């Protein structure tokens, strides 16, 4: 079962950090510090699926490195990864993780050409949509119990 998802990136001065996560605190700074070489990777592992079973969790992600002199340190490194229960079978999630990584890379490349850097905002909105979709039954029940109209 998916516990949440996180967007981690390599900050030019602060190093690896979690920029967004849904729900909050699904993955701590200490967790990231313990496994960051597999989340924010060297170029050898870019755009490859990485699954870790550690810290009582299973993590699946696909790190992305976009090389461009417009970025600090000439590259933008990020990874949108899922955090799951340690016993979750991840093979069914692998195509989704790969597709999300590819999609976010395309968004970032296009936005960088337009001198924008909006990947974080787009990912954050997507996470909220995923969370709302995941909890739709709960929301529908709440709305019905409170006489809200559900379309």
N, C-alpha and C. Protein backbone atom coordinates (compact mmCIF):
# COMPACT_ATOMS: atom_id res chain seq x y z
N UNK A 1 0.84 -1.18 0.00
CA UNK A 1 0.00 0.00 0.00
C UNK A 1 0.88 1.25 0.00
N UNK A 2 0.50 2.23 -0.78
CA UNK A 2 1.26 3.48 -0.84
C UNK A 2 0.97 4.29 0.42
N UNK A 3 2.04 4.68 1.11
CA UNK A 3 1.90 5.55 2.27
C UNK A 3 1.94 7.01 1.86
N UNK A 4 2.68 7.31 0.79
CA UNK A 4 2.79 8.70 0.34
C UNK A 4 3.79 8.82 -0.79
N UNK A 5 4.03 10.06 -1.20
CA UNK A 5 5.06 10.30 -2.21
C UNK A 5 5.78 11.60 -1.90
N UNK A 6 7.01 11.66 -2.37
CA UNK A 6 7.89 12.78 -2.07
C UNK A 6 8.61 13.24 -3.33
N UNK A 7 8.90 14.52 -3.35
CA UNK A 7 9.78 15.07 -4.38
C UNK A 7 11.05 15.51 -3.67
N UNK A 8 12.15 14.84 -3.98
CA UNK A 8 13.45 15.22 -3.43
C UNK A 8 14.25 15.86 -4.54
N UNK A 9 15.11 16.80 -4.16
CA UNK A 9 15.98 17.43 -5.15
C UNK A 9 17.32 17.73 -4.52
N UNK A 10 18.29 17.94 -5.39
CA UNK A 10 19.60 18.34 -4.92
C UNK A 10 19.65 19.86 -4.95
N UNK A 11 19.76 20.45 -3.78
CA UNK A 11 19.87 21.91 -3.67
C UNK A 11 21.35 22.27 -3.80
N UNK A 12 21.68 23.31 -4.59
CA UNK A 12 23.09 23.62 -4.86
C UNK A 12 23.94 23.91 -3.62
N UNK A 13 23.34 24.42 -2.55
CA UNK A 13 24.13 24.71 -1.35
C UNK A 13 23.76 23.81 -0.18
N UNK A 14 22.52 23.37 -0.08
CA UNK A 14 22.07 22.56 1.06
C UNK A 14 22.19 21.06 0.81
N UNK A 15 22.42 20.65 -0.43
CA UNK A 15 22.51 19.23 -0.74
C UNK A 15 21.14 18.60 -0.91
N UNK A 16 21.04 17.27 -0.77
CA UNK A 16 19.76 16.58 -0.97
C UNK A 16 18.72 17.02 0.07
N UNK A 17 17.51 17.29 -0.41
CA UNK A 17 16.44 17.66 0.52
C UNK A 17 15.09 17.29 -0.08
N UNK A 18 14.12 17.10 0.79
CA UNK A 18 12.76 16.83 0.36
C UNK A 18 12.06 18.17 0.18
N UNK A 19 11.61 18.42 -1.03
CA UNK A 19 10.94 19.68 -1.33
C UNK A 19 9.45 19.61 -1.00
N UNK A 20 8.80 18.52 -1.38
CA UNK A 20 7.38 18.31 -1.11
C UNK A 20 7.16 16.87 -0.71
N UNK A 21 6.15 16.66 0.13
CA UNK A 21 5.72 15.31 0.44
C UNK A 21 4.26 15.30 0.86
N UNK A 22 3.59 14.24 0.47
CA UNK A 22 2.18 14.04 0.81
C UNK A 22 2.05 12.62 1.32
N UNK A 23 1.53 12.39 2.51
CA UNK A 23 1.22 13.38 3.53
C UNK A 23 2.50 13.89 4.19
N UNK A 24 2.35 14.96 4.93
CA UNK A 24 3.51 15.54 5.63
C UNK A 24 4.16 14.48 6.51
N UNK A 25 5.46 14.53 6.62
CA UNK A 25 6.24 13.65 7.50
C UNK A 25 6.18 12.17 7.14
N UNK A 26 5.81 11.82 5.90
CA UNK A 26 5.85 10.41 5.50
C UNK A 26 7.30 9.94 5.38
N UNK A 27 8.20 10.89 5.16
CA UNK A 27 9.61 10.59 4.99
C UNK A 27 10.39 11.70 5.67
N UNK A 28 11.18 11.37 6.67
CA UNK A 28 11.88 12.39 7.45
C UNK A 28 13.22 12.77 6.83
N UNK A 29 13.78 13.86 7.31
CA UNK A 29 15.11 14.29 6.87
C UNK A 29 16.14 13.21 7.22
N UNK A 30 15.97 12.60 8.38
CA UNK A 30 16.88 11.53 8.80
C UNK A 30 16.80 10.33 7.85
N UNK A 31 15.56 10.00 7.40
CA UNK A 31 15.40 8.92 6.43
C UNK A 31 16.16 9.26 5.15
N UNK A 32 15.99 10.49 4.67
CA UNK A 32 16.67 10.91 3.44
C UNK A 32 18.19 10.88 3.62
N UNK A 33 18.66 11.35 4.77
CA UNK A 33 20.10 11.35 5.03
C UNK A 33 20.68 9.93 4.95
N UNK A 34 19.89 8.95 5.40
CA UNK A 34 20.36 7.56 5.42
C UNK A 34 20.46 6.95 4.03
N UNK A 35 19.59 7.36 3.10
CA UNK A 35 19.56 6.69 1.79
C UNK A 35 19.72 7.65 0.61
N UNK A 36 20.13 8.88 0.85
CA UNK A 36 20.17 9.87 -0.24
C UNK A 36 21.02 9.45 -1.45
N UNK A 37 22.07 8.64 -1.31
CA UNK A 37 22.78 8.25 -2.54
C UNK A 37 21.93 7.45 -3.53
N UNK A 38 20.82 6.89 -3.04
CA UNK A 38 19.92 6.11 -3.92
C UNK A 38 18.70 6.92 -4.35
N UNK A 39 18.51 8.07 -3.75
CA UNK A 39 17.39 8.95 -4.11
C UNK A 39 17.90 10.05 -5.04
N UNK A 40 18.93 10.76 -4.61
CA UNK A 40 19.60 11.77 -5.43
C UNK A 40 20.92 11.13 -5.86
N UNK A 41 20.93 10.57 -7.06
CA UNK A 41 22.01 9.67 -7.46
C UNK A 41 23.08 10.34 -8.31
N UNK A 42 24.12 9.59 -8.51
CA UNK A 42 25.16 9.95 -9.48
C UNK A 42 24.62 9.66 -10.88
N UNK A 43 25.23 10.22 -11.91
CA UNK A 43 24.73 10.03 -13.28
C UNK A 43 24.58 8.56 -13.73
N UNK A 44 25.36 7.65 -13.15
CA UNK A 44 25.27 6.24 -13.55
C UNK A 44 23.88 5.65 -13.33
N UNK A 45 23.14 6.16 -12.35
CA UNK A 45 21.83 5.60 -12.01
C UNK A 45 20.66 6.46 -12.48
N UNK A 46 20.94 7.51 -13.23
CA UNK A 46 19.84 8.38 -13.65
C UNK A 46 18.87 7.62 -14.55
N UNK A 47 17.59 7.95 -14.38
CA UNK A 47 16.49 7.38 -15.17
C UNK A 47 16.42 5.86 -15.12
N UNK A 48 16.85 5.31 -13.99
CA UNK A 48 16.71 3.87 -13.73
C UNK A 48 15.83 3.69 -12.50
N UNK A 49 14.99 2.69 -12.52
CA UNK A 49 14.16 2.41 -11.36
C UNK A 49 15.03 1.93 -10.21
N UNK A 50 14.78 2.49 -9.05
CA UNK A 50 15.50 2.08 -7.85
C UNK A 50 14.46 1.76 -6.79
N UNK A 51 14.55 0.56 -6.23
CA UNK A 51 13.66 0.14 -5.16
C UNK A 51 14.51 -0.21 -3.95
N UNK A 52 14.18 0.39 -2.82
CA UNK A 52 14.89 0.13 -1.57
C UNK A 52 13.91 -0.38 -0.54
N UNK A 53 14.33 -1.37 0.23
CA UNK A 53 13.53 -1.84 1.35
C UNK A 53 14.37 -1.59 2.59
N UNK A 54 14.09 -0.48 3.25
CA UNK A 54 14.91 -0.06 4.38
C UNK A 54 14.10 0.81 5.32
N UNK A 55 14.55 0.91 6.54
CA UNK A 55 13.93 1.77 7.54
C UNK A 55 12.45 1.43 7.76
N UNK A 56 12.08 0.16 7.54
CA UNK A 56 10.70 -0.27 7.71
C UNK A 56 9.76 0.20 6.62
N UNK A 57 10.34 0.68 5.51
CA UNK A 57 9.55 1.19 4.38
C UNK A 57 10.13 0.64 3.09
N UNK A 58 9.33 0.69 2.05
CA UNK A 58 9.84 0.39 0.71
C UNK A 58 9.71 1.67 -0.09
N UNK A 59 10.78 2.03 -0.78
CA UNK A 59 10.83 3.26 -1.56
C UNK A 59 11.11 2.89 -3.01
N UNK A 60 10.33 3.46 -3.93
CA UNK A 60 10.57 3.23 -5.36
C UNK A 60 10.58 4.58 -6.07
N UNK A 61 11.65 4.82 -6.81
CA UNK A 61 11.79 6.08 -7.52
C UNK A 61 12.61 5.92 -8.79
N UNK A 62 12.69 7.00 -9.52
CA UNK A 62 13.45 7.02 -10.77
C UNK A 62 14.15 8.38 -10.84
N UNK A 63 15.40 8.46 -10.37
CA UNK A 63 16.09 9.75 -10.33
C UNK A 63 16.31 10.35 -11.72
N UNK A 64 16.20 11.67 -11.78
CA UNK A 64 16.35 12.40 -13.04
C UNK A 64 17.46 13.44 -12.88
N UNK A 65 18.31 13.52 -13.88
CA UNK A 65 19.35 14.56 -13.93
C UNK A 65 19.19 15.28 -15.26
N UNK A 66 18.95 16.59 -15.18
CA UNK A 66 18.85 17.41 -16.38
C UNK A 66 20.08 18.31 -16.41
N UNK A 67 20.91 18.11 -17.39
CA UNK A 67 22.13 18.91 -17.51
C UNK A 67 21.85 20.12 -18.38
N UNK A 68 22.18 21.29 -17.83
CA UNK A 68 21.96 22.55 -18.53
C UNK A 68 22.77 23.62 -17.82
N UNK A 69 23.53 24.43 -18.53
CA UNK A 69 24.33 25.48 -17.88
C UNK A 69 23.49 26.55 -17.18
N UNK A 70 22.19 26.58 -17.43
CA UNK A 70 21.32 27.56 -16.77
C UNK A 70 21.10 27.23 -15.29
N UNK A 71 21.36 25.98 -14.90
CA UNK A 71 21.18 25.58 -13.51
C UNK A 71 22.46 25.83 -12.72
N UNK A 72 22.29 26.05 -11.42
CA UNK A 72 23.45 26.08 -10.54
C UNK A 72 24.10 24.71 -10.63
N UNK A 73 25.40 24.66 -10.68
CA UNK A 73 26.17 23.41 -10.83
C UNK A 73 25.88 22.69 -12.15
N UNK A 74 25.26 23.41 -13.09
CA UNK A 74 25.01 22.90 -14.45
C UNK A 74 24.09 21.69 -14.53
N UNK A 75 23.33 21.42 -13.48
CA UNK A 75 22.40 20.28 -13.52
C UNK A 75 21.30 20.47 -12.48
N UNK A 76 20.13 19.93 -12.80
CA UNK A 76 19.02 19.86 -11.85
C UNK A 76 18.76 18.38 -11.60
N UNK A 77 18.86 17.96 -10.35
CA UNK A 77 18.70 16.56 -9.98
C UNK A 77 17.48 16.44 -9.07
N UNK A 78 16.56 15.56 -9.45
CA UNK A 78 15.37 15.36 -8.61
C UNK A 78 14.88 13.92 -8.72
N UNK A 79 13.98 13.57 -7.81
CA UNK A 79 13.40 12.23 -7.81
C UNK A 79 12.03 12.32 -7.15
N UNK A 80 10.99 11.96 -7.89
CA UNK A 80 9.65 11.83 -7.33
C UNK A 80 9.49 10.36 -6.99
N UNK A 81 9.43 10.05 -5.69
CA UNK A 81 9.40 8.64 -5.30
C UNK A 81 8.21 8.33 -4.41
N UNK A 82 7.79 7.06 -4.47
CA UNK A 82 6.69 6.57 -3.64
C UNK A 82 7.27 5.92 -2.40
N UNK A 83 6.58 6.11 -1.28
CA UNK A 83 6.93 5.45 -0.02
C UNK A 83 5.80 4.46 0.27
N UNK A 84 6.16 3.21 0.53
CA UNK A 84 5.15 2.16 0.72
C UNK A 84 5.46 1.33 1.95
N UNK A 85 4.48 0.50 2.33
CA UNK A 85 4.74 -0.49 3.37
C UNK A 85 5.86 -1.40 2.90
N UNK A 86 6.65 -1.90 3.83
CA UNK A 86 7.82 -2.70 3.46
C UNK A 86 7.48 -3.99 2.73
N UNK A 87 6.26 -4.49 2.87
CA UNK A 87 5.89 -5.75 2.22
C UNK A 87 5.13 -5.56 0.91
N UNK A 88 4.97 -4.33 0.47
CA UNK A 88 4.23 -4.05 -0.77
C UNK A 88 4.99 -4.56 -1.98
N UNK A 89 4.29 -5.21 -2.89
CA UNK A 89 4.86 -5.65 -4.17
C UNK A 89 4.88 -4.43 -5.09
N UNK A 90 6.04 -4.03 -5.54
CA UNK A 90 6.18 -2.76 -6.28
C UNK A 90 6.15 -2.90 -7.79
N UNK A 91 6.17 -4.10 -8.33
CA UNK A 91 6.26 -4.25 -9.78
C UNK A 91 5.12 -3.55 -10.52
N UNK A 92 3.94 -3.52 -9.95
CA UNK A 92 2.82 -2.86 -10.63
C UNK A 92 2.97 -1.34 -10.64
N UNK A 93 3.81 -0.79 -9.77
CA UNK A 93 4.02 0.65 -9.71
C UNK A 93 5.17 1.12 -10.60
N UNK A 94 6.01 0.21 -11.04
CA UNK A 94 7.20 0.58 -11.80
C UNK A 94 6.90 1.38 -13.06
N UNK A 95 5.93 0.98 -13.90
CA UNK A 95 5.65 1.79 -15.09
C UNK A 95 5.16 3.20 -14.74
N UNK A 96 4.42 3.32 -13.66
CA UNK A 96 3.90 4.63 -13.23
C UNK A 96 5.05 5.53 -12.81
N UNK A 97 5.97 4.98 -12.03
CA UNK A 97 7.12 5.75 -11.55
C UNK A 97 7.98 6.21 -12.73
N UNK A 98 8.23 5.32 -13.68
CA UNK A 98 9.03 5.68 -14.87
C UNK A 98 8.34 6.78 -15.67
N UNK A 99 7.03 6.64 -15.87
CA UNK A 99 6.27 7.61 -16.66
C UNK A 99 6.26 8.97 -15.96
N UNK A 100 6.06 8.99 -14.65
CA UNK A 100 6.08 10.26 -13.92
C UNK A 100 7.44 10.94 -14.04
N UNK A 101 8.51 10.18 -13.92
CA UNK A 101 9.85 10.75 -14.05
C UNK A 101 10.05 11.37 -15.42
N UNK A 102 9.63 10.65 -16.45
CA UNK A 102 9.75 11.15 -17.82
C UNK A 102 8.91 12.41 -18.03
N UNK A 103 7.70 12.38 -17.53
CA UNK A 103 6.78 13.51 -17.67
C UNK A 103 7.32 14.75 -16.96
N UNK A 104 7.80 14.58 -15.73
CA UNK A 104 8.33 15.72 -14.98
C UNK A 104 9.60 16.28 -15.62
N UNK A 105 10.40 15.40 -16.20
CA UNK A 105 11.60 15.87 -16.91
C UNK A 105 11.20 16.73 -18.10
N UNK A 106 10.20 16.30 -18.86
CA UNK A 106 9.73 17.07 -20.02
C UNK A 106 9.20 18.43 -19.58
N UNK A 107 8.42 18.45 -18.50
CA UNK A 107 7.88 19.72 -18.00
C UNK A 107 9.02 20.67 -17.63
N UNK A 108 9.99 20.15 -16.92
CA UNK A 108 11.10 20.99 -16.47
C UNK A 108 11.91 21.52 -17.65
N UNK A 109 12.18 20.70 -18.64
CA UNK A 109 12.96 21.14 -19.80
C UNK A 109 12.22 22.24 -20.54
N UNK A 110 10.92 22.07 -20.77
CA UNK A 110 10.13 23.09 -21.46
C UNK A 110 10.07 24.38 -20.63
N UNK A 111 9.81 24.24 -19.33
CA UNK A 111 9.73 25.43 -18.48
C UNK A 111 11.07 26.15 -18.38
N UNK A 112 12.16 25.41 -18.36
CA UNK A 112 13.48 26.05 -18.27
C UNK A 112 13.77 26.84 -19.54
N UNK A 113 13.31 26.33 -20.68
CA UNK A 113 13.49 27.07 -21.93
C UNK A 113 12.71 28.38 -21.90
N UNK A 114 11.61 28.40 -21.15
CA UNK A 114 10.79 29.62 -21.02
C UNK A 114 11.23 30.45 -19.81
N UNK A 115 12.35 30.07 -19.21
CA UNK A 115 12.89 30.76 -18.03
C UNK A 115 11.98 30.64 -16.81
N UNK A 116 11.25 29.56 -16.72
CA UNK A 116 10.42 29.29 -15.53
C UNK A 116 11.04 28.12 -14.80
N UNK A 117 10.73 28.01 -13.52
CA UNK A 117 11.13 26.84 -12.76
C UNK A 117 9.95 26.44 -11.90
N UNK A 118 9.00 25.74 -12.50
CA UNK A 118 7.74 25.48 -11.81
C UNK A 118 7.49 24.01 -11.53
N UNK A 119 8.51 23.18 -11.64
CA UNK A 119 8.27 21.75 -11.44
C UNK A 119 7.73 21.46 -10.04
N UNK A 120 8.25 22.13 -9.04
CA UNK A 120 7.79 21.89 -7.68
C UNK A 120 6.32 22.21 -7.51
N UNK A 121 5.88 23.32 -8.06
CA UNK A 121 4.48 23.71 -7.96
C UNK A 121 3.59 22.70 -8.67
N UNK A 122 3.98 22.29 -9.86
CA UNK A 122 3.18 21.32 -10.60
C UNK A 122 3.12 19.98 -9.87
N UNK A 123 4.24 19.54 -9.35
CA UNK A 123 4.26 18.27 -8.63
C UNK A 123 3.41 18.38 -7.38
N UNK A 124 3.52 19.48 -6.66
CA UNK A 124 2.73 19.64 -5.45
C UNK A 124 1.24 19.56 -5.77
N UNK A 125 0.79 20.23 -6.82
CA UNK A 125 -0.63 20.17 -7.21
C UNK A 125 -1.02 18.75 -7.60
N UNK A 126 -0.14 18.05 -8.32
CA UNK A 126 -0.43 16.67 -8.71
C UNK A 126 -0.56 15.78 -7.49
N UNK A 127 0.30 15.98 -6.51
CA UNK A 127 0.22 15.17 -5.30
C UNK A 127 -1.10 15.38 -4.59
N UNK A 128 -1.53 16.62 -4.53
CA UNK A 128 -2.81 16.92 -3.88
C UNK A 128 -3.93 16.23 -4.64
N UNK A 129 -3.89 16.26 -5.97
CA UNK A 129 -4.92 15.58 -6.77
C UNK A 129 -4.91 14.08 -6.51
N UNK A 130 -3.72 13.50 -6.44
CA UNK A 130 -3.62 12.07 -6.17
C UNK A 130 -4.18 11.76 -4.79
N UNK A 131 -3.84 12.57 -3.81
CA UNK A 131 -4.33 12.36 -2.45
C UNK A 131 -5.84 12.48 -2.40
N UNK A 132 -6.39 13.48 -3.06
CA UNK A 132 -7.84 13.66 -3.08
C UNK A 132 -8.50 12.47 -3.77
N UNK A 133 -7.94 12.03 -4.89
CA UNK A 133 -8.50 10.88 -5.60
C UNK A 133 -8.45 9.64 -4.72
N UNK A 134 -7.34 9.44 -4.05
CA UNK A 134 -7.16 8.29 -3.18
C UNK A 134 -8.20 8.29 -2.06
N UNK A 135 -8.52 9.46 -1.56
CA UNK A 135 -9.44 9.58 -0.44
C UNK A 135 -10.84 9.98 -0.88
N UNK A 136 -11.17 9.79 -2.13
CA UNK A 136 -12.47 10.22 -2.66
C UNK A 136 -13.63 9.63 -1.88
N UNK A 137 -13.56 8.35 -1.56
CA UNK A 137 -14.65 7.70 -0.81
C UNK A 137 -14.86 8.39 0.53
N UNK A 138 -13.78 8.70 1.20
CA UNK A 138 -13.88 9.39 2.49
C UNK A 138 -14.52 10.75 2.31
N UNK A 139 -14.08 11.49 1.29
CA UNK A 139 -14.64 12.82 1.03
C UNK A 139 -16.11 12.74 0.65
N UNK A 140 -16.47 11.77 -0.20
CA UNK A 140 -17.87 11.63 -0.60
C UNK A 140 -18.74 11.33 0.62
N UNK A 141 -18.26 10.47 1.48
CA UNK A 141 -19.02 10.14 2.69
C UNK A 141 -19.18 11.38 3.56
N UNK A 142 -18.11 12.15 3.70
CA UNK A 142 -18.17 13.37 4.50
C UNK A 142 -19.17 14.34 3.90
N UNK A 143 -19.10 14.53 2.59
CA UNK A 143 -20.01 15.46 1.93
C UNK A 143 -21.46 15.04 2.10
N UNK A 144 -21.73 13.76 1.94
CA UNK A 144 -23.11 13.26 2.08
C UNK A 144 -23.60 13.45 3.51
N UNK A 145 -22.76 13.17 4.46
CA UNK A 145 -23.15 13.32 5.87
C UNK A 145 -23.36 14.77 6.26
N UNK A 146 -22.73 15.67 5.53
CA UNK A 146 -22.87 17.10 5.83
C UNK A 146 -23.74 17.81 4.81
N UNK A 147 -24.50 17.02 4.03
CA UNK A 147 -25.46 17.54 3.06
C UNK A 147 -24.82 18.35 1.94
N UNK A 148 -23.57 18.06 1.63
CA UNK A 148 -22.93 18.71 0.50
C UNK A 148 -23.33 17.97 -0.76
N UNK A 149 -23.39 18.67 -1.85
CA UNK A 149 -23.76 18.05 -3.13
C UNK A 149 -22.49 17.53 -3.79
N UNK A 150 -22.51 16.27 -4.16
CA UNK A 150 -21.37 15.67 -4.84
C UNK A 150 -21.73 15.50 -6.30
N UNK A 151 -20.90 16.05 -7.19
CA UNK A 151 -21.19 15.89 -8.62
C UNK A 151 -20.33 14.81 -9.21
